[in-house]
Amino acid sequence: MLGAIEKRFGDKVPEQSIQWLTDNGSAYRAHETRQFARELNLEPCTTAISSPQSNGIAERFVKTMKEDYIAFMPKPNVRTALHNLAVAIEHYNENHPHSALGYRSPREYRRQRVTLT
């Protein structure tokens, strides 16, 4: 969690609260985890209980990462695997087309939305 915030915002916490959506796993519901999230200006939110479709976007992302990236990555050691995972996530966000976004990448979709507003 901290690594993701540092990568996105550097050494500053986000000025505005950011919604942090998770499933109802015990690690995400733990008091210490939720308190730490709030210290990072994340607002913990959980998906509806017994409603797997509400967590579908995250589940689909994990499946896509496994099928389209991780299955083909060299993983000789932890350092290489983590580096390749970061490269894969960057590629996914910048270049991977999504049918729900009109076959644009997430960043391309967001850039066009910002331009239109």
PDB file of N, CA and C in Angstrom:
ATOM      1  N   MET A   1       0.833  -1.183   0.000  1.00  0.00           N
ATOM      2  CA  MET A   1       0.000   0.000   0.000  1.00  0.00           C
ATOM      3  C   MET A   1       0.882   1.252   0.000  1.00  0.00           C
ATOM      4  N   LEU A   2       1.854   1.292   0.891  1.00  0.00           N
ATOM      5  CA  LEU A   2       2.741   2.452   0.967  1.00  0.00           C
ATOM      6  C   LEU A   2       3.540   2.600  -0.324  1.00  0.00           C
ATOM      7  N   GLY A   3       4.020   1.485  -0.857  1.00  0.00           N
ATOM      8  CA  GLY A   3       4.785   1.534  -2.100  1.00  0.00           C
ATOM      9  C   GLY A   3       3.978   2.117  -3.247  1.00  0.00           C
ATOM     10  N   ALA A   4       2.711   1.759  -3.339  1.00  0.00           N
ATOM     11  CA  ALA A   4       1.851   2.289  -4.404  1.00  0.00           C
ATOM     12  C   ALA A   4       1.648   3.791  -4.244  1.00  0.00           C
ATOM     13  N   ILE A   5       1.441   4.247  -3.017  1.00  0.00           N
ATOM     14  CA  ILE A   5       1.264   5.688  -2.766  1.00  0.00           C
ATOM     15  C   ILE A   5       2.551   6.437  -3.081  1.00  0.00           C
ATOM     16  N   GLU A   6       3.691   5.909  -2.639  1.00  0.00           N
ATOM     17  CA  GLU A   6       4.970   6.571  -2.920  1.00  0.00           C
ATOM     18  C   GLU A   6       5.254   6.626  -4.412  1.00  0.00           C
ATOM     19  N   LYS A   7       4.928   5.557  -5.124  1.00  0.00           N
ATOM     20  CA  LYS A   7       5.168   5.553  -6.573  1.00  0.00           C
ATOM     21  C   LYS A   7       4.303   6.593  -7.269  1.00  0.00           C
ATOM     22  N   ARG A   8       3.076   6.730  -6.820  1.00  0.00           N
ATOM     23  CA  ARG A   8       2.142   7.658  -7.469  1.00  0.00           C
ATOM     24  C   ARG A   8       2.341   9.105  -7.026  1.00  0.00           C
ATOM     25  N   PHE A   9       2.596   9.333  -5.723  1.00  0.00           N
ATOM     26  CA  PHE A   9       2.622  10.694  -5.187  1.00  0.00           C
ATOM     27  C   PHE A   9       3.977  11.122  -4.632  1.00  0.00           C
ATOM     28  N   GLY A  10       4.983  10.274  -4.717  1.00  0.00           N
ATOM     29  CA  GLY A  10       6.282  10.617  -4.150  1.00  0.00           C
ATOM     30  C   GLY A  10       6.227  10.541  -2.631  1.00  0.00           C
ATOM     31  N   ASP A  11       6.904  11.476  -1.973  1.00  0.00           N
ATOM     32  CA  ASP A  11       6.962  11.425  -0.509  1.00  0.00           C
ATOM     33  C   ASP A  11       5.833  12.192   0.171  1.00  0.00           C
ATOM     34  N   LYS A  12       4.831  12.599  -0.587  1.00  0.00           N
ATOM     35  CA  LYS A  12       3.683  13.311  -0.022  1.00  0.00           C
ATOM     36  C   LYS A  12       2.449  12.414  -0.091  1.00  0.00           C
ATOM     37  N   VAL A  13       1.584  12.542   0.903  1.00  0.00           N
ATOM     38  CA  VAL A  13       0.311  11.820   0.829  1.00  0.00           C
ATOM     39  C   VAL A  13      -0.631  12.613  -0.067  1.00  0.00           C
ATOM     40  N   PRO A  14      -1.598  11.960  -0.689  1.00  0.00           N
ATOM     41  CA  PRO A  14      -2.541  12.675  -1.557  1.00  0.00           C
ATOM     42  C   PRO A  14      -3.257  13.785  -0.790  1.00  0.00           C
ATOM     43  N   GLU A  15      -3.472  14.912  -1.461  1.00  0.00           N
ATOM     44  CA  GLU A  15      -4.165  16.031  -0.820  1.00  0.00           C
ATOM     45  C   GLU A  15      -5.623  15.693  -0.550  1.00  0.00           C
ATOM     46  N   GLN A  16      -6.270  15.053  -1.494  1.00  0.00           N
ATOM     47  CA  GLN A  16      -7.664  14.661  -1.327  1.00  0.00           C
ATOM     48  C   GLN A  16      -7.720  13.171  -1.017  1.00  0.00           C
ATOM     49  N   SER A  17      -8.686  12.790  -0.222  1.00  0.00           N
ATOM     50  CA  SER A  17      -8.867  11.386   0.120  1.00  0.00           C
ATOM     51  C   SER A  17      -9.149  10.568  -1.140  1.00  0.00           C
ATOM     52  N   ILE A  18      -8.550   9.393  -1.205  1.00  0.00           N
ATOM     53  CA  ILE A  18      -8.730   8.486  -2.335  1.00  0.00           C
ATOM     54  C   ILE A  18      -9.425   7.235  -1.825  1.00  0.00           C
ATOM     55  N   GLN A  19     -10.441   6.801  -2.533  1.00  0.00           N
ATOM     56  CA  GLN A  19     -11.172   5.597  -2.149  1.00  0.00           C
ATOM     57  C   GLN A  19     -10.320   4.368  -2.437  1.00  0.00           C
ATOM     58  N   TRP A  20     -10.161   3.518  -1.447  1.00  0.00           N
ATOM     59  CA  TRP A  20      -9.376   2.292  -1.561  1.00  0.00           C
ATOM     60  C   TRP A  20     -10.330   1.119  -1.457  1.00  0.00           C
ATOM     61  N   LEU A  21     -10.662   0.511  -2.594  1.00  0.00           N
ATOM     62  CA  LEU A  21     -11.648  -0.566  -2.657  1.00  0.00           C
ATOM     63  C   LEU A  21     -10.969  -1.921  -2.535  1.00  0.00           C
ATOM     64  N   THR A  22     -11.437  -2.723  -1.580  1.00  0.00           N
ATOM     65  CA  THR A  22     -10.907  -4.069  -1.384  1.00  0.00           C
ATOM     66  C   THR A  22     -12.068  -5.037  -1.193  1.00  0.00           C
ATOM     67  N   ASP A  23     -11.740  -6.322  -1.214  1.00  0.00           N
ATOM     68  CA  ASP A  23     -12.751  -7.301  -0.834  1.00  0.00           C
ATOM     69  C   ASP A  23     -12.807  -7.350   0.694  1.00  0.00           C
ATOM     70  N   ASN A  24     -13.509  -8.304   1.232  1.00  0.00           N
ATOM     71  CA  ASN A  24     -13.706  -8.371   2.680  1.00  0.00           C
ATOM     72  C   ASN A  24     -12.731  -9.313   3.375  1.00  0.00           C
ATOM     73  N   GLY A  25     -11.571  -9.501   2.789  1.00  0.00           N
ATOM     74  CA  GLY A  25     -10.553 -10.345   3.407  1.00  0.00           C
ATOM     75  C   GLY A  25     -10.119  -9.792   4.756  1.00  0.00           C
ATOM     76  N   SER A  26      -9.729 -10.684   5.647  1.00  0.00           N
ATOM     77  CA  SER A  26      -9.387 -10.269   7.010  1.00  0.00           C
ATOM     78  C   SER A  26      -8.223  -9.281   7.040  1.00  0.00           C
ATOM     79  N   ALA A  27      -7.266  -9.417   6.132  1.00  0.00           N
ATOM     80  CA  ALA A  27      -6.137  -8.481   6.109  1.00  0.00           C
ATOM     81  C   ALA A  27      -6.594  -7.061   5.807  1.00  0.00           C
ATOM     82  N   TYR A  28      -7.584  -6.916   4.936  1.00  0.00           N
ATOM     83  CA  TYR A  28      -8.077  -5.584   4.573  1.00  0.00           C
ATOM     84  C   TYR A  28      -8.997  -5.001   5.638  1.00  0.00           C
ATOM     85  N   ARG A  29      -9.640  -5.860   6.423  1.00  0.00           N
ATOM     86  CA  ARG A  29     -10.553  -5.390   7.466  1.00  0.00           C
ATOM     87  C   ARG A  29      -9.846  -5.143   8.791  1.00  0.00           C
ATOM     88  N   ALA A  30      -8.599  -5.556   8.905  1.00  0.00           N
ATOM     89  CA  ALA A  30      -7.859  -5.405  10.160  1.00  0.00           C
ATOM     90  C   ALA A  30      -7.768  -3.934  10.554  1.00  0.00           C
ATOM     91  N   HIS A  31      -7.939  -3.683  11.841  1.00  0.00           N
ATOM     92  CA  HIS A  31      -7.918  -2.309  12.360  1.00  0.00           C
ATOM     93  C   HIS A  31      -6.624  -1.586  11.972  1.00  0.00           C
ATOM     94  N   GLU A  32      -5.486  -2.265  12.124  1.00  0.00           N
ATOM     95  CA  GLU A  32      -4.195  -1.635  11.828  1.00  0.00           C
ATOM     96  C   GLU A  32      -4.080  -1.267  10.346  1.00  0.00           C
ATOM     97  N   THR A  33      -4.572  -2.137   9.479  1.00  0.00           N
ATOM     98  CA  THR A  33      -4.523  -1.863   8.039  1.00  0.00           C
ATOM     99  C   THR A  33      -5.373  -0.656   7.693  1.00  0.00           C
ATOM    100  N   ARG A  34      -6.582  -0.611   8.222  1.00  0.00           N
ATOM    101  CA  ARG A  34      -7.491   0.500   7.929  1.00  0.00           C
ATOM    102  C   ARG A  34      -6.958   1.812   8.511  1.00  0.00           C
ATOM    103  N   GLN A  35      -6.359   1.745   9.691  1.00  0.00           N
ATOM    104  CA  GLN A  35      -5.777   2.940  10.302  1.00  0.00           C
ATOM    105  C   GLN A  35      -4.607   3.446   9.460  1.00  0.00           C
ATOM    106  N   PHE A  36      -3.745   2.534   9.016  1.00  0.00           N
ATOM    107  CA  PHE A  36      -2.612   2.918   8.179  1.00  0.00           C
ATOM    108  C   PHE A  36      -3.101   3.522   6.865  1.00  0.00           C
ATOM    109  N   ALA A  37      -4.134   2.943   6.282  1.00  0.00           N
ATOM    110  CA  ALA A  37      -4.701   3.486   5.045  1.00  0.00           C
ATOM    111  C   ALA A  37      -5.164   4.926   5.260  1.00  0.00           C
ATOM    112  N   ARG A  38      -5.828   5.186   6.360  1.00  0.00           N
ATOM    113  CA  ARG A  38      -6.308   6.550   6.635  1.00  0.00           C
ATOM    114  C   ARG A  38      -5.149   7.525   6.827  1.00  0.00           C
ATOM    115  N   GLU A  39      -4.055   7.052   7.425  1.00  0.00           N
ATOM    116  CA  GLU A  39      -2.867   7.901   7.578  1.00  0.00           C
ATOM    117  C   GLU A  39      -2.299   8.297   6.216  1.00  0.00           C
ATOM    118  N   LEU A  40      -2.517   7.457   5.210  1.00  0.00           N
ATOM    119  CA  LEU A  40      -2.065   7.748   3.844  1.00  0.00           C
ATOM    120  C   LEU A  40      -3.123   8.500   3.042  1.00  0.00           C
ATOM    121  N   ASN A  41      -4.194   8.908   3.711  1.00  0.00           N
ATOM    122  CA  ASN A  41      -5.323   9.617   3.107  1.00  0.00           C
ATOM    123  C   ASN A  41      -6.093   8.731   2.122  1.00  0.00           C
ATOM    124  N   LEU A  42      -6.141   7.441   2.437  1.00  0.00           N
ATOM    125  CA  LEU A  42      -6.969   6.500   1.692  1.00  0.00           C
ATOM    126  C   LEU A  42      -8.219   6.237   2.515  1.00  0.00           C
ATOM    127  N   GLU A  43      -9.348   6.201   1.861  1.00  0.00           N
ATOM    128  CA  GLU A  43     -10.606   5.903   2.540  1.00  0.00           C
ATOM    129  C   GLU A  43     -10.973   4.448   2.251  1.00  0.00           C
ATOM    130  N   PRO A  44     -10.776   3.560   3.239  1.00  0.00           N
ATOM    131  CA  PRO A  44     -11.064   2.145   3.006  1.00  0.00           C
ATOM    132  C   PRO A  44     -12.538   1.898   2.700  1.00  0.00           C
ATOM    133  N   CYS A  45     -12.795   1.171   1.642  1.00  0.00           N
ATOM    134  CA  CYS A  45     -14.148   0.761   1.257  1.00  0.00           C
ATOM    135  C   CYS A  45     -14.065  -0.712   0.873  1.00  0.00           C
ATOM    136  N   THR A  46     -15.084  -1.470   1.218  1.00  0.00           N
ATOM    137  CA  THR A  46     -15.094  -2.883   0.859  1.00  0.00           C
ATOM    138  C   THR A  46     -16.263  -3.177  -0.070  1.00  0.00           C
ATOM    139  N   THR A  47     -16.094  -4.226  -0.840  1.00  0.00           N
ATOM    140  CA  THR A  47     -17.167  -4.650  -1.733  1.00  0.00           C
ATOM    141  C   THR A  47     -18.299  -5.238  -0.903  1.00  0.00           C
ATOM    142  N   ALA A  48     -19.457  -5.326  -1.494  1.00  0.00           N
ATOM    143  CA  ALA A  48     -20.605  -5.902  -0.797  1.00  0.00           C
ATOM    144  C   ALA A  48     -20.345  -7.374  -0.482  1.00  0.00           C
ATOM    145  N   ILE A  49     -20.730  -7.797   0.699  1.00  0.00           N
ATOM    146  CA  ILE A  49     -20.558  -9.193   1.104  1.00  0.00           C
ATOM    147  C   ILE A  49     -21.483 -10.078   0.271  1.00  0.00           C
ATOM    148  N   SER A  50     -20.974 -11.233  -0.122  1.00  0.00           N
ATOM    149  CA  SER A  50     -21.718 -12.208  -0.939  1.00  0.00           C
ATOM    150  C   SER A  50     -22.168 -11.622  -2.271  1.00  0.00           C
ATOM    151  N   SER A  51     -21.361 -10.735  -2.812  1.00  0.00           N
ATOM    152  CA  SER A  51     -21.675 -10.115  -4.098  1.00  0.00           C
ATOM    153  C   SER A  51     -20.411 -10.107  -4.955  1.00  0.00           C
ATOM    154  N   PRO A  52     -20.018 -11.265  -5.509  1.00  0.00           N
ATOM    155  CA  PRO A  52     -18.758 -11.347  -6.242  1.00  0.00           C
ATOM    156  C   PRO A  52     -18.676 -10.421  -7.447  1.00  0.00           C
ATOM    157  N   GLN A  53     -19.807 -10.065  -8.040  1.00  0.00           N
ATOM    158  CA  GLN A  53     -19.741  -9.182  -9.206  1.00  0.00           C
ATOM    159  C   GLN A  53     -19.203  -7.802  -8.840  1.00  0.00           C
ATOM    160  N   SER A  54     -19.375  -7.389  -7.572  1.00  0.00           N
ATOM    161  CA  SER A  54     -18.879  -6.075  -7.172  1.00  0.00           C
ATOM    162  C   SER A  54     -17.360  -6.036  -7.117  1.00  0.00           C
ATOM    163  N   ASN A  55     -16.723  -7.189  -7.055  1.00  0.00           N
ATOM    164  CA  ASN A  55     -15.269  -7.254  -7.057  1.00  0.00           C
ATOM    165  C   ASN A  55     -14.753  -7.716  -8.420  1.00  0.00           C
ATOM    166  N   GLY A  56     -15.625  -7.753  -9.404  1.00  0.00           N
ATOM    167  CA  GLY A  56     -15.287  -8.289 -10.714  1.00  0.00           C
ATOM    168  C   GLY A  56     -14.182  -7.561 -11.444  1.00  0.00           C
ATOM    169  N   ILE A  57     -14.115  -6.251 -11.320  1.00  0.00           N
ATOM    170  CA  ILE A  57     -13.083  -5.494 -12.032  1.00  0.00           C
ATOM    171  C   ILE A  57     -11.702  -5.896 -11.535  1.00  0.00           C
ATOM    172  N   ALA A  58     -11.535  -5.960 -10.224  1.00  0.00           N
ATOM    173  CA  ALA A  58     -10.240  -6.357  -9.671  1.00  0.00           C
ATOM    174  C   ALA A  58      -9.902  -7.793 -10.053  1.00  0.00           C
ATOM    175  N   GLU A  59     -10.888  -8.673  -9.982  1.00  0.00           N
ATOM    176  CA  GLU A  59     -10.655 -10.070 -10.342  1.00  0.00           C
ATOM    177  C   GLU A  59     -10.264 -10.196 -11.813  1.00  0.00           C
ATOM    178  N   ARG A  60     -10.898  -9.425 -12.675  1.00  0.00           N
ATOM    179  CA  ARG A  60     -10.579  -9.466 -14.100  1.00  0.00           C
ATOM    180  C   ARG A  60      -9.165  -8.947 -14.348  1.00  0.00           C
ATOM    181  N   PHE A  61      -8.778  -7.892 -13.628  1.00  0.00           N
ATOM    182  CA  PHE A  61      -7.424  -7.360 -13.760  1.00  0.00           C
ATOM    183  C   PHE A  61      -6.397  -8.437 -13.404  1.00  0.00           C
ATOM    184  N   VAL A  62      -6.614  -9.125 -12.293  1.00  0.00           N
ATOM    185  CA  VAL A  62      -5.689 -10.173 -11.868  1.00  0.00           C
ATOM    186  C   VAL A  62      -5.620 -11.275 -12.924  1.00  0.00           C
ATOM    187  N   LYS A  63      -6.761 -11.674 -13.451  1.00  0.00           N
ATOM    188  CA  LYS A  63      -6.782 -12.722 -14.482  1.00  0.00           C
ATOM    189  C   LYS A  63      -6.028 -12.276 -15.735  1.00  0.00           C
ATOM    190  N   THR A  64      -6.251 -11.035 -16.168  1.00  0.00           N
ATOM    191  CA  THR A  64      -5.549 -10.512 -17.344  1.00  0.00           C
ATOM    192  C   THR A  64      -4.048 -10.473 -17.100  1.00  0.00           C
ATOM    193  N   MET A  65      -3.638 -10.006 -15.924  1.00  0.00           N
ATOM    194  CA  MET A  65      -2.205  -9.956 -15.622  1.00  0.00           C
ATOM    195  C   MET A  65      -1.598 -11.355 -15.675  1.00  0.00           C
ATOM    196  N   LYS A  66      -2.283 -12.329 -15.111  1.00  0.00           N
ATOM    197  CA  LYS A  66      -1.765 -13.703 -15.113  1.00  0.00           C
ATOM    198  C   LYS A  66      -1.684 -14.270 -16.523  1.00  0.00           C
ATOM    199  N   GLU A  67      -2.763 -14.093 -17.300  1.00  0.00           N
ATOM    200  CA  GLU A  67      -2.830 -14.709 -18.634  1.00  0.00           C
ATOM    201  C   GLU A  67      -1.986 -13.987 -19.675  1.00  0.00           C
ATOM    202  N   ASP A  68      -1.994 -12.662 -19.651  1.00  0.00           N
ATOM    203  CA  ASP A  68      -1.347 -11.896 -20.714  1.00  0.00           C
ATOM    204  C   ASP A  68       0.084 -11.481 -20.400  1.00  0.00           C
ATOM    205  N   TYR A  69       0.478 -11.520 -19.143  1.00  0.00           N
ATOM    206  CA  TYR A  69       1.807 -11.035 -18.776  1.00  0.00           C
ATOM    207  C   TYR A  69       2.616 -12.058 -17.982  1.00  0.00           C
ATOM    208  N   ILE A  70       2.145 -12.400 -16.798  1.00  0.00           N
ATOM    209  CA  ILE A  70       2.934 -13.216 -15.881  1.00  0.00           C
ATOM    210  C   ILE A  70       3.281 -14.579 -16.476  1.00  0.00           C
ATOM    211  N   ALA A  71       2.362 -15.162 -17.214  1.00  0.00           N
ATOM    212  CA  ALA A  71       2.618 -16.474 -17.815  1.00  0.00           C
ATOM    213  C   ALA A  71       3.826 -16.458 -18.750  1.00  0.00           C
ATOM    214  N   PHE A  72       4.155 -15.302 -19.315  1.00  0.00           N
ATOM    215  CA  PHE A  72       5.235 -15.204 -20.298  1.00  0.00           C
ATOM    216  C   PHE A  72       6.501 -14.551 -19.750  1.00  0.00           C
ATOM    217  N   MET A  73       6.474 -14.122 -18.508  1.00  0.00           N
ATOM    218  CA  MET A  73       7.616 -13.407 -17.926  1.00  0.00           C
ATOM    219  C   MET A  73       8.701 -14.360 -17.443  1.00  0.00           C
ATOM    220  N   PRO A  74       9.956 -13.975 -17.668  1.00  0.00           N
ATOM    221  CA  PRO A  74      11.013 -14.723 -16.987  1.00  0.00           C
ATOM    222  C   PRO A  74      10.974 -14.367 -15.493  1.00  0.00           C
ATOM    223  N   LYS A  75      11.112 -15.394 -14.653  1.00  0.00           N
ATOM    224  CA  LYS A  75      11.047 -15.179 -13.206  1.00  0.00           C
ATOM    225  C   LYS A  75      12.189 -15.938 -12.520  1.00  0.00           C
ATOM    226  N   PRO A  76      13.431 -15.643 -12.883  1.00  0.00           N
ATOM    227  CA  PRO A  76      14.533 -16.405 -12.286  1.00  0.00           C
ATOM    228  C   PRO A  76      14.762 -16.096 -10.806  1.00  0.00           C
ATOM    229  N   ASN A  77      14.323 -14.915 -10.365  1.00  0.00           N
ATOM    230  CA  ASN A  77      14.494 -14.542  -8.959  1.00  0.00           C
ATOM    231  C   ASN A  77      13.467 -13.464  -8.611  1.00  0.00           C
ATOM    232  N   VAL A  78      13.361 -13.156  -7.341  1.00  0.00           N
ATOM    233  CA  VAL A  78      12.352 -12.201  -6.876  1.00  0.00           C
ATOM    234  C   VAL A  78      12.563 -10.822  -7.482  1.00  0.00           C
ATOM    235  N   ARG A  79      13.786 -10.356  -7.514  1.00  0.00           N
ATOM    236  CA  ARG A  79      14.071  -9.015  -8.041  1.00  0.00           C
ATOM    237  C   ARG A  79      13.616  -8.887  -9.495  1.00  0.00           C
ATOM    238  N   THR A  80      13.935  -9.866 -10.313  1.00  0.00           N
ATOM    239  CA  THR A  80      13.525  -9.850 -11.721  1.00  0.00           C
ATOM    240  C   THR A  80      12.013  -9.937 -11.845  1.00  0.00           C
ATOM    241  N   ALA A  81      11.399 -10.805 -11.059  1.00  0.00           N
ATOM    242  CA  ALA A  81       9.940 -10.952 -11.117  1.00  0.00           C
ATOM    243  C   ALA A  81       9.243  -9.650 -10.749  1.00  0.00           C
ATOM    244  N   LEU A  82       9.696  -8.982  -9.692  1.00  0.00           N
ATOM    245  CA  LEU A  82       9.079  -7.711  -9.287  1.00  0.00           C
ATOM    246  C   LEU A  82       9.296  -6.625 -10.337  1.00  0.00           C
ATOM    247  N   HIS A  83      10.492  -6.584 -10.913  1.00  0.00           N
ATOM    248  CA  HIS A  83      10.756  -5.603 -11.979  1.00  0.00           C
ATOM    249  C   HIS A  83       9.842  -5.858 -13.173  1.00  0.00           C
ATOM    250  N   ASN A  84       9.739  -7.111 -13.589  1.00  0.00           N
ATOM    251  CA  ASN A  84       8.899  -7.438 -14.741  1.00  0.00           C
ATOM    252  C   ASN A  84       7.427  -7.182 -14.460  1.00  0.00           C
ATOM    253  N   LEU A  85       6.997  -7.391 -13.234  1.00  0.00           N
ATOM    254  CA  LEU A  85       5.613  -7.090 -12.872  1.00  0.00           C
ATOM    255  C   LEU A  85       5.343  -5.592 -12.984  1.00  0.00           C
ATOM    256  N   ALA A  86       6.274  -4.764 -12.521  1.00  0.00           N
ATOM    257  CA  ALA A  86       6.115  -3.311 -12.645  1.00  0.00           C
ATOM    258  C   ALA A  86       6.046  -2.899 -14.114  1.00  0.00           C
ATOM    259  N   VAL A  87       6.881  -3.494 -14.951  1.00  0.00           N
ATOM    260  CA  VAL A  87       6.860  -3.213 -16.390  1.00  0.00           C
ATOM    261  C   VAL A  87       5.516  -3.640 -16.983  1.00  0.00           C
ATOM    262  N   ALA A  88       5.015  -4.792 -16.568  1.00  0.00           N
ATOM    263  CA  ALA A  88       3.731  -5.287 -17.079  1.00  0.00           C
ATOM    264  C   ALA A  88       2.586  -4.357 -16.695  1.00  0.00           C
ATOM    265  N   ILE A  89       2.562  -3.894 -15.459  1.00  0.00           N
ATOM    266  CA  ILE A  89       1.495  -2.988 -15.022  1.00  0.00           C
ATOM    267  C   ILE A  89       1.565  -1.676 -15.790  1.00  0.00           C
ATOM    268  N   GLU A  90       2.766  -1.178 -16.017  1.00  0.00           N
ATOM    269  CA  GLU A  90       2.922   0.046 -16.815  1.00  0.00           C
ATOM    270  C   GLU A  90       2.393  -0.173 -18.233  1.00  0.00           C
ATOM    271  N   HIS A  91       2.740  -1.296 -18.848  1.00  0.00           N
ATOM    272  CA  HIS A  91       2.258  -1.600 -20.196  1.00  0.00           C
ATOM    273  C   HIS A  91       0.739  -1.724 -20.210  1.00  0.00           C
ATOM    274  N   TYR A  92       0.194  -2.418 -19.223  1.00  0.00           N
ATOM    275  CA  TYR A  92      -1.258  -2.589 -19.123  1.00  0.00           C
ATOM    276  C   TYR A  92      -1.952  -1.225 -19.083  1.00  0.00           C
ATOM    277  N   ASN A  93      -1.459  -0.335 -18.260  1.00  0.00           N
ATOM    278  CA  ASN A  93      -2.092   0.983 -18.118  1.00  0.00           C
ATOM    279  C   ASN A  93      -1.908   1.870 -19.341  1.00  0.00           C
ATOM    280  N   GLU A  94      -0.772   1.753 -20.005  1.00  0.00           N
ATOM    281  CA  GLU A  94      -0.464   2.659 -21.115  1.00  0.00           C
ATOM    282  C   GLU A  94      -0.864   2.109 -22.477  1.00  0.00           C
ATOM    283  N   ASN A  95      -0.781   0.790 -22.677  1.00  0.00           N
ATOM    284  CA  ASN A  95      -0.934   0.240 -24.022  1.00  0.00           C
ATOM    285  C   ASN A  95      -1.996  -0.833 -24.199  1.00  0.00           C
ATOM    286  N   HIS A  96      -2.420  -1.485 -23.153  1.00  0.00           N
ATOM    287  CA  HIS A  96      -3.317  -2.642 -23.273  1.00  0.00           C
ATOM    288  C   HIS A  96      -4.742  -2.185 -23.596  1.00  0.00           C
ATOM    289  N   PRO A  97      -5.283  -2.561 -24.769  1.00  0.00           N
ATOM    290  CA  PRO A  97      -6.640  -2.128 -25.120  1.00  0.00           C
ATOM    291  C   PRO A  97      -7.704  -2.884 -24.323  1.00  0.00           C
ATOM    292  N   HIS A  98      -8.767  -2.178 -23.973  1.00  0.00           N
ATOM    293  CA  HIS A  98      -9.873  -2.758 -23.210  1.00  0.00           C
ATOM    294  C   HIS A  98     -11.166  -2.535 -23.976  1.00  0.00           C
ATOM    295  N   SER A  99     -11.923  -3.588 -24.176  1.00  0.00           N
ATOM    296  CA  SER A  99     -13.181  -3.452 -24.915  1.00  0.00           C
ATOM    297  C   SER A  99     -14.137  -2.497 -24.211  1.00  0.00           C
ATOM    298  N   ALA A 100     -14.173  -2.521 -22.886  1.00  0.00           N
ATOM    299  CA  ALA A 100     -15.084  -1.636 -22.141  1.00  0.00           C
ATOM    300  C   ALA A 100     -14.704  -0.165 -22.277  1.00  0.00           C
ATOM    301  N   LEU A 101     -13.475   0.107 -22.710  1.00  0.00           N
ATOM    302  CA  LEU A 101     -13.005   1.490 -22.882  1.00  0.00           C
ATOM    303  C   LEU A 101     -12.892   1.849 -24.361  1.00  0.00           C
ATOM    304  N   GLY A 102     -13.643   1.169 -25.198  1.00  0.00           N
ATOM    305  CA  GLY A 102     -13.587   1.439 -26.632  1.00  0.00           C
ATOM    306  C   GLY A 102     -12.256   1.031 -27.240  1.00  0.00           C
ATOM    307  N   TYR A 103     -11.671  -0.038 -26.738  1.00  0.00           N
ATOM    308  CA  TYR A 103     -10.381  -0.560 -27.185  1.00  0.00           C
ATOM    309  C   TYR A 103      -9.263   0.460 -27.039  1.00  0.00           C
ATOM    310  N   ARG A 104      -9.353   1.237 -25.975  1.00  0.00           N
ATOM    311  CA  ARG A 104      -8.269   2.152 -25.599  1.00  0.00           C
ATOM    312  C   ARG A 104      -7.646   1.642 -24.306  1.00  0.00           C
ATOM    313  N   SER A 105      -6.428   2.077 -24.045  1.00  0.00           N
ATOM    314  CA  SER A 105      -5.788   1.728 -22.774  1.00  0.00           C
ATOM    315  C   SER A 105      -6.400   2.595 -21.670  1.00  0.00           C
ATOM    316  N   PRO A 106      -6.239   2.198 -20.402  1.00  0.00           N
ATOM    317  CA  PRO A 106      -6.783   3.029 -19.324  1.00  0.00           C
ATOM    318  C   PRO A 106      -6.274   4.468 -19.353  1.00  0.00           C
ATOM    319  N   ARG A 107      -4.992   4.659 -19.587  1.00  0.00           N
ATOM    320  CA  ARG A 107      -4.464   6.034 -19.613  1.00  0.00           C
ATOM    321  C   ARG A 107      -4.972   6.807 -20.824  1.00  0.00           C
ATOM    322  N   GLU A 108      -5.051   6.148 -21.963  1.00  0.00           N
ATOM    323  CA  GLU A 108      -5.580   6.816 -23.153  1.00  0.00           C
ATOM    324  C   GLU A 108      -7.022   7.245 -22.903  1.00  0.00           C
ATOM    325  N   TYR A 109      -7.801   6.376 -22.303  1.00  0.00           N
ATOM    326  CA  TYR A 109      -9.196   6.687 -21.979  1.00  0.00           C
ATOM    327  C   TYR A 109      -9.281   7.885 -21.029  1.00  0.00           C
ATOM    328  N   ARG A 110      -8.465   7.884 -19.995  1.00  0.00           N
ATOM    329  CA  ARG A 110      -8.491   9.000 -19.033  1.00  0.00           C
ATOM    330  C   ARG A 110      -8.043  10.310 -19.681  1.00  0.00           C
ATOM    331  N   ARG A 111      -7.004  10.248 -20.516  1.00  0.00           N
ATOM    332  CA  ARG A 111      -6.546  11.475 -21.190  1.00  0.00           C
ATOM    333  C   ARG A 111      -7.653  12.052 -22.061  1.00  0.00           C
ATOM    334  N   GLN A 112      -8.369  11.198 -22.788  1.00  0.00           N
ATOM    335  CA  GLN A 112      -9.456  11.683 -23.640  1.00  0.00           C
ATOM    336  C   GLN A 112     -10.603  12.237 -22.815  1.00  0.00           C
ATOM    337  N   ARG A 113     -10.898  11.626 -21.673  1.00  0.00           N
ATOM    338  CA  ARG A 113     -11.965  12.140 -20.800  1.00  0.00           C
ATOM    339  C   ARG A 113     -11.605  13.513 -20.257  1.00  0.00           C
ATOM    340  N   VAL A 114     -10.352  13.701 -19.856  1.00  0.00           N
ATOM    341  CA  VAL A 114      -9.911  14.994 -19.331  1.00  0.00           C
ATOM    342  C   VAL A 114      -9.983  16.050 -20.420  1.00  0.00           C
ATOM    343  N   THR A 115      -9.601  15.684 -21.641  1.00  0.00           N
ATOM    344  CA  THR A 115      -9.639  16.618 -22.766  1.00  0.00           C
ATOM    345  C   THR A 115     -11.064  17.057 -23.074  1.00  0.00           C
ATOM    346  N   LEU A 116     -12.024  16.143 -22.931  1.00  0.00           N
ATOM    347  CA  LEU A 116     -13.417  16.460 -23.245  1.00  0.00           C
ATOM    348  C   LEU A 116     -14.097  17.301 -22.174  1.00  0.00           C
ATOM    349  N   THR A 117     -13.552  17.328 -20.975  1.00  0.00           N
ATOM    350  CA  THR A 117     -14.206  18.096 -19.903  1.00  0.00           C
ATOM    351  C   THR A 117     -13.605  19.458 -19.728  1.00  0.00           C
TER     352      THR A 117
END
